[in-house]
Amino acid sequence: MSRLKSSPTLRVASYNIRKARGLDQRRDPMRILEVINGLEADVVALQEADMRLGARPSALARDLISRETDFEVAPIARNAVALGWHGNAVLVRKGISVGKVTHLDLPGLEPRGAVRLTLGGPFELDLIAAHLGLIRRNRVQQFETILKQTDRDRPTVLIGDFNEWSTRRGMEPLAGRFEVHIPGQSFHARRQIASLDRIALSGGLELRSAGVEEGPLARRASDHLPIWGDIAPV
């Protein structure tokens, strides 16, 4: 997974960490961070990063992230205890700046949201991190809502747990605006049968390489395997 540091690419990753609860049913934040460190990513979108009840405290302590990684937590949370919003959190490598953050309410029967961040690094882009709903008609509406919040003049990455089992259907709203890439089967970590986690790129960006982290630690740390992609401006 190593790459030349001089390469003009940005590695983005996505990981549904299931609130740091592994397949052994233990909550182990350090194990999650070890998997994240192994991705060698510049930006990591997390799903299910916060608990569901009350003030939604984070499953990953901020001081642990600061101590054990080279990442900073993007300023998404709307309170002092959560890491993200609707479970969506974003870690950015130190040296990559975070500009405007926008919270996107998504329609559907269950509460869902996405976050849009303006990032500055080797090149500027917008990143939208999302965890979409379980029902396809809701996901289609959610894609439509996200599209209304994108800037056509800025290169944009849409990344996260799309919750779509089909490789052909359900993403029709993105056609003509985004190219959807499937790095591989990321669910279930024990037996890979579905490509729920995906990367979509707008015009102005290309995917150089992509993959799924399939190591033994990742296979225990969550029910999803993390995906990654190296992107570059066209």
Foldseek 3Di string as FASTA:
>chain_A
DDDDPPDLWAKEKEEAQLLQQWPVRDRDQVLVVVQVQVVVGQKYKYAQQFDDDDLGAGSHDQVCCVVPHQWHWDPARPDDGYSHPNRITMIGGPQKDWDDKDKFFADDPDTWIKIWIWIHDSHTAIEIETAFDQDLVSLLRRLVSVVVVDDQVGKYKYWYQSNDFDPPDSNVVCPPFWDKDQQAFFAQLQDRDGRRTIMIIGAQKDWPHKHWDNDPSQSTRHRTTMIMTIMHGD
